[in-house]
Protein backbone atom coordinates (compact mmCIF):
# COMPACT_ATOMS: atom_id res chain seq x y z
CA MET A 1 130.94 112.68 194.67
CA THR A 2 127.59 114.37 195.13
CA ASP A 3 127.05 118.10 194.67
CA ALA A 4 126.65 118.43 198.44
CA GLU A 5 129.93 116.61 199.07
CA LEU A 6 131.70 118.76 196.47
CA ASP A 7 130.36 121.88 198.17
CA THR A 8 131.54 120.61 201.57
CA VAL A 9 135.03 119.86 200.27
CA TYR A 10 135.34 123.17 198.42
CA THR A 11 134.13 125.07 201.49
CA ARG A 12 136.74 123.32 203.65
CA LEU A 13 139.44 124.15 201.08
CA CYS A 14 138.47 127.83 201.12
CA ARG A 15 138.26 127.99 204.91
CA THR A 16 141.66 126.33 205.28
CA MET A 17 143.20 128.81 202.83
CA THR A 18 141.71 131.63 204.91
CA GLN A 19 143.15 130.08 208.08
CA VAL A 20 146.66 129.70 206.66
CA GLY A 21 146.56 133.26 205.38
CA GLU A 22 147.13 134.87 202.01
CA ALA A 23 150.93 134.71 202.30
CA ASN A 24 150.85 130.94 202.92
CA ALA A 25 148.08 130.09 200.45
CA PRO A 26 150.44 129.30 197.52
CA MET A 27 152.45 126.87 199.68
CA PHE A 28 149.26 125.28 200.99
CA LEU A 29 147.91 124.82 197.44
CA ALA A 30 151.22 123.38 196.24
CA ARG A 31 151.25 120.89 199.13
CA PHE A 32 147.60 120.02 198.52
CA ALA A 33 148.32 119.49 194.83
CA LEU A 34 151.25 117.16 195.54
CA LEU A 35 149.18 115.13 198.00
CA ALA A 36 146.31 114.92 195.50
CA ILE A 37 148.63 113.92 192.64
CA GLU A 38 150.09 111.17 194.81
CA ARG A 39 146.61 109.94 195.75
CA ILE A 40 145.42 110.04 192.12
CA GLY A 41 148.38 107.85 191.25
CA ASP A 42 148.09 108.34 187.49
CA ALA A 43 150.45 110.70 185.66
CA ASP A 44 148.20 111.11 182.60
CA VAL A 45 145.15 112.00 184.70
CA SER A 46 147.23 114.37 186.82
CA LEU A 47 148.68 116.12 183.76
CA LYS A 48 145.21 116.55 182.25
CA LEU A 49 143.93 118.02 185.52
CA ILE A 50 146.87 120.45 185.65
CA GLU A 51 146.11 121.54 182.08
CA ALA A 52 142.40 121.95 182.84
CA ALA A 53 143.14 123.97 185.99
CA GLY A 54 145.44 126.27 184.01
CA ASP A 55 142.92 126.94 181.24
CA GLY A 56 141.64 130.48 181.51
CA VAL A 57 144.12 131.49 184.22
CA SER A 58 146.44 134.21 183.03
CA GLY A 59 149.71 135.01 184.69
């Protein structure tokens, strides 16, 4: 994926989260994650991505 494509995809993700609203953003992200995990089709890759996404995010 090129930098331009990455920017396009990220922009669409942000716009969609704005459209669904703050209250629905967690459900949207969970659904997106499940769809992406299914498309990736590799548990090890998916687990590493989950770990990487969680790095630096405090709860």
